Amino acid sequence: MRKIDVAQIEAAVYELSLEANFVLPEDVVEALKEAEKKESSERAREVLATLLDNAQLAKVENLPICQDTGIVVVLLEIGQAVEIVGGDLSKAINQGVRRGYKEGYLRFSMVNDPLIRENTNDNTPAIIHTEIVSGETLRIVVIAKGSGSENMSSLKMLKPSDGIKGIKDYIISHIRDIAPFSCPPLVIGIGLGGTFESCAYLAKKALIRRVGSSHPREDIAQIEKDLLNEINRLGIGPCGLGGEATALAVQVETFPTHIASLPVAINVNCHAHRHKERVI
């Protein structure tokens, strides 16, 4: 067994919390640049240029890309040959978030109860998902998920008979309704299959794929391409001001499901597509 001390995990989460908020991933930057080149609307090009300037300034000055520094979602892939030692894993993750948000002067957005709504004053607790995988490494993905995009997400239990057309119709209809309010251009994660709760997790995981990468299955990759083209024909454009760049990518993940089920989840992310990862 390989031993990993929780102190290493805390330090990694601390650093990733800062990096995610200050440095837009390079694949997102490249996608914004490509969208700017292709955009026919002058106003939309100006918006995209401003978003790129904002990302560069945030990186150079160690400033938040967006004022909503988000709820922290941590995805862990823990190798079966790993033993976590030295303390409590969840406490270490939350201490890393706590330190990052306090020392980075990032906005505290977490409330202690959905009804009482008193701020926790350190942006914890984080939302933590764990998966056990083969090997002896620990992969940590830290996502700073803003509410403006998270609130625009959706899940629907379709019937198997709805098929691909039903899936596409539901997604296009939803994005048409919410895109102007979720700071486009968007990255759109889609979960297909599983159960009610696992489908939503699939959609979240779809967001952390490299922007613009295609699903390895040809039929799913075609659905991604078709959806992106249709969404970008809606005319909503960057920041909802018109244009072609309503979305940078549509990314789909699938899982087996029940014979009578067809769950579809949509997890939306705005142009501040903030996530960083590290393998220990």
C-alpha atoms as a PDB file:
ATOM      1  CA  MET A   1       0.000   0.000   0.000  1.00  0.00           C
ATOM      2  CA  ARG A   2       1.170   3.530  -0.808  1.00  0.00           C
ATOM      3  CA  LYS A   3       0.570   5.951   2.059  1.00  0.00           C
ATOM      4  CA  ILE A   4      -0.544   9.523   1.369  1.00  0.00           C
ATOM      5  CA  ASP A   5      -0.718  11.909   4.290  1.00  0.00           C
ATOM      6  CA  VAL A   6      -3.749  14.170   4.528  1.00  0.00           C
ATOM      7  CA  ALA A   7      -1.344  17.115   4.854  1.00  0.00           C
ATOM      8  CA  GLN A   8      -0.394  16.603   1.184  1.00  0.00           C
ATOM      9  CA  ILE A   9      -4.046  16.581   0.209  1.00  0.00           C
ATOM     10  CA  GLU A  10      -4.798  19.732   2.198  1.00  0.00           C
ATOM     11  CA  ALA A  11      -1.858  21.535   0.574  1.00  0.00           C
ATOM     12  CA  ALA A  12      -2.961  20.454  -2.912  1.00  0.00           C
ATOM     13  CA  VAL A  13      -6.569  21.570  -2.371  1.00  0.00           C
ATOM     14  CA  TYR A  14      -5.334  24.905  -1.002  1.00  0.00           C
ATOM     15  CA  GLU A  15      -3.191  25.564  -4.074  1.00  0.00           C
ATOM     16  CA  LEU A  16      -5.809  24.313  -6.539  1.00  0.00           C
ATOM     17  CA  SER A  17      -8.480  26.519  -4.948  1.00  0.00           C
ATOM     18  CA  LEU A  18      -6.362  29.558  -5.722  1.00  0.00           C
ATOM     19  CA  GLU A  19      -5.255  28.427  -9.190  1.00  0.00           C
ATOM     20  CA  ALA A  20      -8.799  27.575 -10.252  1.00  0.00           C
ATOM     21  CA  ASN A  21     -10.002  31.067  -9.391  1.00  0.00           C
ATOM     22  CA  PHE A  22      -7.033  32.979 -10.841  1.00  0.00           C
ATOM     23  CA  VAL A  23      -6.008  31.007 -13.951  1.00  0.00           C
ATOM     24  CA  LEU A  24      -8.455  30.043 -16.677  1.00  0.00           C
ATOM     25  CA  PRO A  25      -7.453  26.642 -18.149  1.00  0.00           C
ATOM     26  CA  GLU A  26      -5.523  26.926 -21.391  1.00  0.00           C
ATOM     27  CA  ASP A  27      -8.047  24.806 -23.324  1.00  0.00           C
ATOM     28  CA  VAL A  28     -10.763  27.312 -22.386  1.00  0.00           C
ATOM     29  CA  VAL A  29      -8.575  30.256 -23.426  1.00  0.00           C
ATOM     30  CA  GLU A  30      -7.889  28.599 -26.783  1.00  0.00           C
ATOM     31  CA  ALA A  31     -11.600  27.900 -27.287  1.00  0.00           C
ATOM     32  CA  LEU A  32     -12.425  31.565 -26.605  1.00  0.00           C
ATOM     33  CA  LYS A  33      -9.749  32.660 -29.088  1.00  0.00           C
ATOM     34  CA  GLU A  34     -11.096  30.288 -31.709  1.00  0.00           C
ATOM     35  CA  ALA A  35     -14.638  31.558 -31.124  1.00  0.00           C
ATOM     36  CA  GLU A  36     -13.423  35.137 -31.543  1.00  0.00           C
ATOM     37  CA  LYS A  37     -11.838  34.263 -34.906  1.00  0.00           C
ATOM     38  CA  LYS A  38     -15.013  32.609 -36.201  1.00  0.00           C
ATOM     39  CA  GLU A  39     -17.520  35.133 -34.826  1.00  0.00           C
ATOM     40  CA  SER A  40     -19.223  37.267 -37.484  1.00  0.00           C
ATOM     41  CA  SER A  41     -20.822  39.756 -35.080  1.00  0.00           C
ATOM     42  CA  GLU A  42     -18.580  42.710 -34.247  1.00  0.00           C
ATOM     43  CA  ARG A  43     -20.257  43.188 -30.861  1.00  0.00           C
ATOM     44  CA  ALA A  44     -19.762  39.510 -30.007  1.00  0.00           C
ATOM     45  CA  ARG A  45     -16.079  39.720 -31.007  1.00  0.00           C
ATOM     46  CA  GLU A  46     -15.655  42.689 -28.676  1.00  0.00           C
ATOM     47  CA  VAL A  47     -17.232  40.730 -25.817  1.00  0.00           C
ATOM     48  CA  LEU A  48     -14.982  37.732 -26.446  1.00  0.00           C
ATOM     49  CA  ALA A  49     -11.914  39.977 -26.575  1.00  0.00           C
ATOM     50  CA  THR A  50     -12.927  41.493 -23.243  1.00  0.00           C
ATOM     51  CA  LEU A  51     -13.319  38.036 -21.697  1.00  0.00           C
ATOM     52  CA  LEU A  52      -9.830  37.124 -22.903  1.00  0.00           C
ATOM     53  CA  ASP A  53      -8.391  40.367 -21.513  1.00  0.00           C
ATOM     54  CA  ASN A  54     -10.112  39.653 -18.204  1.00  0.00           C
ATOM     55  CA  ALA A  55      -8.619  36.148 -18.056  1.00  0.00           C
ATOM     56  CA  GLN A  56      -5.127  37.453 -18.780  1.00  0.00           C
ATOM     57  CA  LEU A  57      -5.402  40.200 -16.161  1.00  0.00           C
ATOM     58  CA  ALA A  58      -6.637  37.718 -13.548  1.00  0.00           C
ATOM     59  CA  LYS A  59      -3.702  35.410 -14.262  1.00  0.00           C
ATOM     60  CA  VAL A  60      -1.056  38.147 -14.111  1.00  0.00           C
ATOM     61  CA  GLU A  61      -2.449  39.973 -11.076  1.00  0.00           C
ATOM     62  CA  ASN A  62      -3.670  36.922  -9.097  1.00  0.00           C
ATOM     63  CA  LEU A  63      -7.228  38.235  -9.165  1.00  0.00           C
ATOM     64  CA  PRO A  64     -10.474  36.266  -9.397  1.00  0.00           C
ATOM     65  CA  ILE A  65     -11.641  35.638 -12.953  1.00  0.00           C
ATOM     66  CA  CYS A  66     -15.179  36.293 -11.678  1.00  0.00           C
ATOM     67  CA  GLN A  67     -16.525  37.944  -8.534  1.00  0.00           C
ATOM     68  CA  ASP A  68     -18.576  34.801  -7.848  1.00  0.00           C
ATOM     69  CA  THR A  69     -15.761  32.531  -6.691  1.00  0.00           C
ATOM     70  CA  GLY A  70     -18.218  29.722  -6.377  1.00  0.00           C
ATOM     71  CA  ILE A  71     -19.040  26.671  -4.370  1.00  0.00           C
ATOM     72  CA  VAL A  72     -16.056  24.311  -4.284  1.00  0.00           C
ATOM     73  CA  VAL A  73     -16.643  20.877  -5.787  1.00  0.00           C
ATOM     74  CA  VAL A  74     -13.849  18.355  -5.266  1.00  0.00           C
ATOM     75  CA  LEU A  75     -13.676  15.183  -7.342  1.00  0.00           C
ATOM     76  CA  LEU A  76     -11.364  12.508  -5.954  1.00  0.00           C
ATOM     77  CA  GLU A  77     -10.158   9.377  -7.716  1.00  0.00           C
ATOM     78  CA  ILE A  78      -8.480   7.261  -5.058  1.00  0.00           C
ATOM     79  CA  GLY A  79      -6.354   4.304  -6.122  1.00  0.00           C
ATOM     80  CA  GLN A  80      -7.142   0.987  -4.456  1.00  0.00           C
ATOM     81  CA  ALA A  81      -3.498   0.706  -3.403  1.00  0.00           C
ATOM     82  CA  VAL A  82      -3.597   4.038  -1.535  1.00  0.00           C
ATOM     83  CA  GLU A  83      -3.941   4.388   2.221  1.00  0.00           C
ATOM     84  CA  ILE A  84      -4.905   7.858   3.483  1.00  0.00           C
ATOM     85  CA  VAL A  85      -3.020   8.510   6.742  1.00  0.00           C
ATOM     86  CA  GLY A  86      -2.474  11.311   9.232  1.00  0.00           C
ATOM     87  CA  GLY A  87      -6.048  12.419   9.793  1.00  0.00           C
ATOM     88  CA  ASP A  88      -9.521  12.814   8.343  1.00  0.00           C
ATOM     89  CA  LEU A  89      -9.763  13.160   4.546  1.00  0.00           C
ATOM     90  CA  SER A  90     -12.857  15.381   4.486  1.00  0.00           C
ATOM     91  CA  LYS A  91     -11.464  17.668   7.176  1.00  0.00           C
ATOM     92  CA  ALA A  92      -8.210  18.025   5.234  1.00  0.00           C
ATOM     93  CA  ILE A  93     -10.051  18.946   2.038  1.00  0.00           C
ATOM     94  CA  ASN A  94     -12.180  21.530   3.809  1.00  0.00           C
ATOM     95  CA  GLN A  95      -9.153  22.993   5.555  1.00  0.00           C
ATOM     96  CA  GLY A  96      -7.479  23.382   2.150  1.00  0.00           C
ATOM     97  CA  VAL A  97     -10.550  25.208   0.841  1.00  0.00           C
ATOM     98  CA  ARG A  98     -10.772  27.318   3.992  1.00  0.00           C
ATOM     99  CA  ARG A  99      -7.134  28.420   3.740  1.00  0.00           C
ATOM    100  CA  GLY A 100      -7.339  29.073   0.004  1.00  0.00           C
ATOM    101  CA  TYR A 101     -10.434  31.226   0.193  1.00  0.00           C
ATOM    102  CA  LYS A 102      -9.291  33.168   3.241  1.00  0.00           C
ATOM    103  CA  GLU A 103      -5.698  33.783   2.140  1.00  0.00           C
ATOM    104  CA  GLY A 104      -6.732  34.447  -1.460  1.00  0.00           C
ATOM    105  CA  TYR A 105      -9.384  36.975  -0.379  1.00  0.00           C
ATOM    106  CA  LEU A 106     -11.978  35.040  -2.346  1.00  0.00           C
ATOM    107  CA  ARG A 107     -15.683  35.561  -1.768  1.00  0.00           C
ATOM    108  CA  PHE A 108     -17.375  33.342   0.804  1.00  0.00           C
ATOM    109  CA  SER A 109     -20.557  32.042  -0.793  1.00  0.00           C
ATOM    110  CA  MET A 110     -21.558  29.057   1.364  1.00  0.00           C
ATOM    111  CA  VAL A 111     -24.465  29.262   3.794  1.00  0.00           C
ATOM    112  CA  ASN A 112     -24.852  26.739   6.607  1.00  0.00           C
ATOM    113  CA  ASP A 113     -28.433  25.763   5.791  1.00  0.00           C
ATOM    114  CA  PRO A 114     -30.585  26.171   2.676  1.00  0.00           C
ATOM    115  CA  LEU A 115     -33.339  27.813   4.765  1.00  0.00           C
ATOM    116  CA  ILE A 116     -31.570  29.578   7.660  1.00  0.00           C
ATOM    117  CA  ARG A 117     -28.847  30.857   5.281  1.00  0.00           C
ATOM    118  CA  GLU A 118     -26.158  32.060   7.654  1.00  0.00           C
ATOM    119  CA  ASN A 119     -22.799  32.422   5.886  1.00  0.00           C
ATOM    120  CA  THR A 120     -20.159  29.918   7.027  1.00  0.00           C
ATOM    121  CA  ASN A 121     -17.521  32.658   6.525  1.00  0.00           C
ATOM    122  CA  ASP A 122     -14.882  30.402   4.979  1.00  0.00           C
ATOM    123  CA  ASN A 123     -16.618  28.933   1.885  1.00  0.00           C
ATOM    124  CA  THR A 124     -16.817  25.469   3.402  1.00  0.00           C
ATOM    125  CA  PRO A 125     -18.064  22.804   3.347  1.00  0.00           C
ATOM    126  CA  ALA A 126     -16.946  21.680  -0.077  1.00  0.00           C
ATOM    127  CA  ILE A 127     -18.997  19.214  -2.114  1.00  0.00           C
ATOM    128  CA  ILE A 128     -16.834  16.078  -2.225  1.00  0.00           C
ATOM    129  CA  HIS A 129     -17.256  13.154  -4.618  1.00  0.00           C
ATOM    130  CA  THR A 130     -15.004  10.088  -4.343  1.00  0.00           C
ATOM    131  CA  GLU A 131     -14.386   7.212  -6.706  1.00  0.00           C
ATOM    132  CA  ILE A 132     -12.221   4.165  -6.045  1.00  0.00           C
ATOM    133  CA  VAL A 133     -10.052   3.310  -9.062  1.00  0.00           C
ATOM    134  CA  SER A 134      -7.138   0.967  -9.712  1.00  0.00           C
ATOM    135  CA  GLY A 135      -3.551   2.009  -8.984  1.00  0.00           C
ATOM    136  CA  GLU A 136      -1.665   3.847  -6.276  1.00  0.00           C
ATOM    137  CA  THR A 137      -2.276   7.508  -7.079  1.00  0.00           C
ATOM    138  CA  LEU A 138      -4.781  10.085  -5.922  1.00  0.00           C
ATOM    139  CA  ARG A 139      -6.298  12.477  -8.479  1.00  0.00           C
ATOM    140  CA  ILE A 140      -7.791  15.687  -7.130  1.00  0.00           C
ATOM    141  CA  VAL A 141      -9.978  17.970  -9.261  1.00  0.00           C
ATOM    142  CA  VAL A 142     -11.071  21.264  -7.710  1.00  0.00           C
ATOM    143  CA  ILE A 143     -13.957  23.084  -9.402  1.00  0.00           C
ATOM    144  CA  ALA A 144     -15.021  26.617  -8.471  1.00  0.00           C
ATOM    145  CA  LYS A 145     -18.673  26.454  -9.534  1.00  0.00           C
ATOM    146  CA  GLY A 146     -20.512  29.762  -9.723  1.00  0.00           C
ATOM    147  CA  SER A 147     -24.194  29.884  -8.908  1.00  0.00           C
ATOM    148  CA  GLY A 148     -25.143  31.856 -12.011  1.00  0.00           C
ATOM    149  CA  SER A 149     -24.393  28.810 -14.130  1.00  0.00           C
ATOM    150  CA  GLU A 150     -25.173  26.072 -11.590  1.00  0.00           C
ATOM    151  CA  ASN A 151     -28.674  27.491 -11.070  1.00  0.00           C
ATOM    152  CA  MET A 152     -29.341  27.055 -14.791  1.00  0.00           C
ATOM    153  CA  SER A 153     -28.758  23.307 -14.733  1.00  0.00           C
ATOM    154  CA  SER A 154     -31.530  20.752 -15.139  1.00  0.00           C
ATOM    155  CA  LEU A 155     -32.402  17.050 -15.062  1.00  0.00           C
ATOM    156  CA  LYS A 156     -35.263  15.190 -16.674  1.00  0.00           C
ATOM    157  CA  MET A 157     -36.328  11.547 -16.652  1.00  0.00           C
ATOM    158  CA  LEU A 158     -37.197  10.902 -20.290  1.00  0.00           C
ATOM    159  CA  LYS A 159     -38.803   7.752 -21.645  1.00  0.00           C
ATOM    160  CA  PRO A 160     -36.590   5.400 -23.675  1.00  0.00           C
ATOM    161  CA  SER A 161     -39.002   5.894 -26.587  1.00  0.00           C
ATOM    162  CA  ASP A 162     -38.079   9.602 -26.648  1.00  0.00           C
ATOM    163  CA  GLY A 163     -34.741   8.543 -28.140  1.00  0.00           C
ATOM    164  CA  ILE A 164     -32.043  10.815 -29.494  1.00  0.00           C
ATOM    165  CA  LYS A 165     -34.573  13.323 -30.829  1.00  0.00           C
ATOM    166  CA  GLY A 166     -36.152  13.678 -27.392  1.00  0.00           C
ATOM    167  CA  ILE A 167     -32.734  14.144 -25.786  1.00  0.00           C
ATOM    168  CA  LYS A 168     -31.755  16.855 -28.262  1.00  0.00           C
ATOM    169  CA  ASP A 169     -35.123  18.630 -28.081  1.00  0.00           C
ATOM    170  CA  TYR A 170     -34.957  18.783 -24.274  1.00  0.00           C
ATOM    171  CA  ILE A 171     -31.373  20.111 -24.241  1.00  0.00           C
ATOM    172  CA  ILE A 172     -31.911  22.706 -26.988  1.00  0.00           C
ATOM    173  CA  SER A 173     -35.142  23.942 -25.400  1.00  0.00           C
ATOM    174  CA  HIS A 174     -33.483  24.290 -22.008  1.00  0.00           C
ATOM    175  CA  ILE A 175     -30.401  26.092 -23.318  1.00  0.00           C
ATOM    176  CA  ARG A 176     -32.582  28.459 -25.373  1.00  0.00           C
ATOM    177  CA  ASP A 177     -34.385  29.459 -22.176  1.00  0.00           C
ATOM    178  CA  ILE A 178     -31.395  29.848 -19.836  1.00  0.00           C
ATOM    179  CA  ALA A 179     -28.346  30.745 -21.919  1.00  0.00           C
ATOM    180  CA  PRO A 180     -28.797  34.557 -21.819  1.00  0.00           C
ATOM    181  CA  PHE A 181     -28.793  34.432 -17.994  1.00  0.00           C
ATOM    182  CA  SER A 182     -25.765  32.152 -17.478  1.00  0.00           C
ATOM    183  CA  CYS A 183     -22.875  34.251 -18.875  1.00  0.00           C
ATOM    184  CA  PRO A 184     -22.264  32.596 -22.242  1.00  0.00           C
ATOM    185  CA  PRO A 185     -20.308  31.336 -24.073  1.00  0.00           C
ATOM    186  CA  LEU A 186     -21.083  28.179 -22.150  1.00  0.00           C
ATOM    187  CA  VAL A 187     -19.476  24.821 -21.620  1.00  0.00           C
ATOM    188  CA  ILE A 188     -22.324  22.329 -21.343  1.00  0.00           C
ATOM    189  CA  GLY A 189     -21.948  18.989 -19.586  1.00  0.00           C
ATOM    190  CA  ILE A 190     -24.523  16.313 -20.383  1.00  0.00           C
ATOM    191  CA  GLY A 191     -25.123  13.112 -18.439  1.00  0.00           C
ATOM    192  CA  LEU A 192     -27.021  10.270 -20.102  1.00  0.00           C
ATOM    193  CA  GLY A 193     -28.078   7.148 -18.225  1.00  0.00           C
ATOM    194  CA  GLY A 194     -27.553   5.766 -14.761  1.00  0.00           C
ATOM    195  CA  THR A 195     -30.069   6.841 -12.117  1.00  0.00           C
ATOM    196  CA  PHE A 196     -31.493  10.206 -11.057  1.00  0.00           C
ATOM    197  CA  GLU A 197     -28.515  11.166  -8.890  1.00  0.00           C
ATOM    198  CA  SER A 198     -25.732   9.495 -10.876  1.00  0.00           C
ATOM    199  CA  CYS A 199     -26.878  11.159 -14.099  1.00  0.00           C
ATOM    200  CA  ALA A 200     -26.303  14.593 -12.535  1.00  0.00           C
ATOM    201  CA  TYR A 201     -22.827  13.506 -11.442  1.00  0.00           C
ATOM    202  CA  LEU A 202     -22.079  12.367 -15.009  1.00  0.00           C
ATOM    203  CA  ALA A 203     -22.983  15.843 -16.268  1.00  0.00           C
ATOM    204  CA  LYS A 204     -20.647  17.423 -13.711  1.00  0.00           C
ATOM    205  CA  LYS A 205     -17.821  15.075 -14.721  1.00  0.00           C
ATOM    206  CA  ALA A 206     -18.411  15.868 -18.389  1.00  0.00           C
ATOM    207  CA  LEU A 207     -17.484  19.488 -17.675  1.00  0.00           C
ATOM    208  CA  ILE A 208     -13.901  18.653 -16.674  1.00  0.00           C
ATOM    209  CA  ARG A 209     -13.012  17.014 -19.968  1.00  0.00           C
ATOM    210  CA  ARG A 210     -10.694  19.045 -22.181  1.00  0.00           C
ATOM    211  CA  VAL A 211     -12.884  21.622 -23.908  1.00  0.00           C
ATOM    212  CA  GLY A 212     -13.537  20.621 -27.484  1.00  0.00           C
ATOM    213  CA  SER A 213     -12.514  16.982 -27.028  1.00  0.00           C
ATOM    214  CA  SER A 214     -14.849  14.446 -28.600  1.00  0.00           C
ATOM    215  CA  HIS A 215     -16.400  11.444 -26.914  1.00  0.00           C
ATOM    216  CA  PRO A 216     -14.579   8.238 -27.944  1.00  0.00           C
ATOM    217  CA  ARG A 217     -17.814   6.704 -29.222  1.00  0.00           C
ATOM    218  CA  GLU A 218     -18.575   8.003 -32.706  1.00  0.00           C
ATOM    219  CA  ASP A 219     -22.349   8.185 -32.195  1.00  0.00           C
ATOM    220  CA  ILE A 220     -22.007  10.156 -28.956  1.00  0.00           C
ATOM    221  CA  ALA A 221     -19.407  12.430 -30.542  1.00  0.00           C
ATOM    222  CA  GLN A 222     -21.913  13.153 -33.327  1.00  0.00           C
ATOM    223  CA  ILE A 223     -24.575  14.081 -30.765  1.00  0.00           C
ATOM    224  CA  GLU A 224     -22.089  16.489 -29.141  1.00  0.00           C
ATOM    225  CA  LYS A 225     -21.322  18.059 -32.512  1.00  0.00           C
ATOM    226  CA  ASP A 226     -24.982  18.330 -33.528  1.00  0.00           C
ATOM    227  CA  LEU A 227     -25.966  19.938 -30.234  1.00  0.00           C
ATOM    228  CA  LEU A 228     -23.128  22.458 -30.366  1.00  0.00           C
ATOM    229  CA  ASN A 229     -24.041  23.481 -33.905  1.00  0.00           C
ATOM    230  CA  GLU A 230     -27.734  23.846 -33.058  1.00  0.00           C
ATOM    231  CA  ILE A 231     -27.041  25.814 -29.879  1.00  0.00           C
ATOM    232  CA  ASN A 232     -24.742  28.194 -31.726  1.00  0.00           C
ATOM    233  CA  ARG A 233     -27.474  28.802 -34.291  1.00  0.00           C
ATOM    234  CA  LEU A 234     -29.774  30.169 -31.573  1.00  0.00           C
ATOM    235  CA  GLY A 235     -28.206  33.625 -31.955  1.00  0.00           C
ATOM    236  CA  ILE A 236     -27.856  34.234 -28.203  1.00  0.00           C
ATOM    237  CA  GLY A 237     -24.112  34.858 -28.366  1.00  0.00           C
ATOM    238  CA  PRO A 238     -21.528  35.970 -25.779  1.00  0.00           C
ATOM    239  CA  CYS A 239     -23.133  37.467 -22.660  1.00  0.00           C
ATOM    240  CA  GLY A 240     -26.515  37.115 -24.389  1.00  0.00           C
ATOM    241  CA  LEU A 241     -25.823  40.111 -26.660  1.00  0.00           C
ATOM    242  CA  GLY A 242     -26.219  38.230 -29.939  1.00  0.00           C
ATOM    243  CA  GLY A 243     -23.812  36.255 -32.066  1.00  0.00           C
ATOM    244  CA  GLU A 244     -22.744  32.715 -32.826  1.00  0.00           C
ATOM    245  CA  ALA A 245     -20.630  31.794 -29.797  1.00  0.00           C
ATOM    246  CA  THR A 246     -23.377  30.755 -27.402  1.00  0.00           C
ATOM    247  CA  ALA A 247     -21.410  27.648 -26.401  1.00  0.00           C
ATOM    248  CA  LEU A 248     -17.771  26.637 -26.611  1.00  0.00           C
ATOM    249  CA  ALA A 249     -18.473  22.929 -26.198  1.00  0.00           C
ATOM    250  CA  VAL A 250     -21.103  20.304 -25.467  1.00  0.00           C
ATOM    251  CA  GLN A 251     -19.607  17.299 -23.690  1.00  0.00           C
ATOM    252  CA  VAL A 252     -21.548  14.106 -23.028  1.00  0.00           C
ATOM    253  CA  GLU A 253     -20.847  11.246 -20.616  1.00  0.00           C
ATOM    254  CA  THR A 254     -22.929   8.078 -20.502  1.00  0.00           C
ATOM    255  CA  PHE A 255     -23.612   5.166 -18.148  1.00  0.00           C
ATOM    256  CA  PRO A 256     -25.783   2.035 -18.397  1.00  0.00           C
ATOM    257  CA  THR A 257     -29.345   2.486 -17.176  1.00  0.00           C
ATOM    258  CA  HIS A 258     -32.584   0.635 -16.438  1.00  0.00           C
ATOM    259  CA  ILE A 259     -34.613  -0.774 -19.339  1.00  0.00           C
ATOM    260  CA  ALA A 260     -37.447   1.677 -18.539  1.00  0.00           C
ATOM    261  CA  SER A 261     -35.277   4.764 -17.928  1.00  0.00           C
ATOM    262  CA  LEU A 262     -33.582   7.513 -19.929  1.00  0.00           C
ATOM    263  CA  PRO A 263     -32.241  10.111 -17.468  1.00  0.00           C
ATOM    264  CA  VAL A 264     -30.735  13.253 -18.997  1.00  0.00           C
ATOM    265  CA  ALA A 265     -28.882  15.868 -16.931  1.00  0.00           C
ATOM    266  CA  ILE A 266     -27.596  19.260 -18.072  1.00  0.00           C
ATOM    267  CA  ASN A 267     -24.872  20.929 -16.000  1.00  0.00           C
ATOM    268  CA  VAL A 268     -24.043  24.378 -17.330  1.00  0.00           C
ATOM    269  CA  ASN A 269     -20.813  26.288 -16.883  1.00  0.00           C
ATOM    270  CA  CYS A 270     -20.216  29.877 -17.913  1.00  0.00           C
ATOM    271  CA  HIS A 271     -17.185  31.276 -19.742  1.00  0.00           C
ATOM    272  CA  ALA A 272     -15.350  31.345 -16.367  1.00  0.00           C
ATOM    273  CA  HIS A 273     -14.906  27.578 -16.675  1.00  0.00           C
ATOM    274  CA  ARG A 274     -12.755  27.173 -13.564  1.00  0.00           C
ATOM    275  CA  HIS A 275     -11.183  23.885 -12.582  1.00  0.00           C
ATOM    276  CA  LYS A 276      -7.700  22.611 -11.808  1.00  0.00           C
ATOM    277  CA  GLU A 277      -6.369  19.168 -11.034  1.00  0.00           C
ATOM    278  CA  ARG A 278      -3.376  17.393  -9.575  1.00  0.00           C
ATOM    279  CA  VAL A 279      -2.247  13.796  -9.207  1.00  0.00           C
ATOM    280  CA  ILE A 280      -0.415  12.820  -6.031  1.00  0.00           C
END
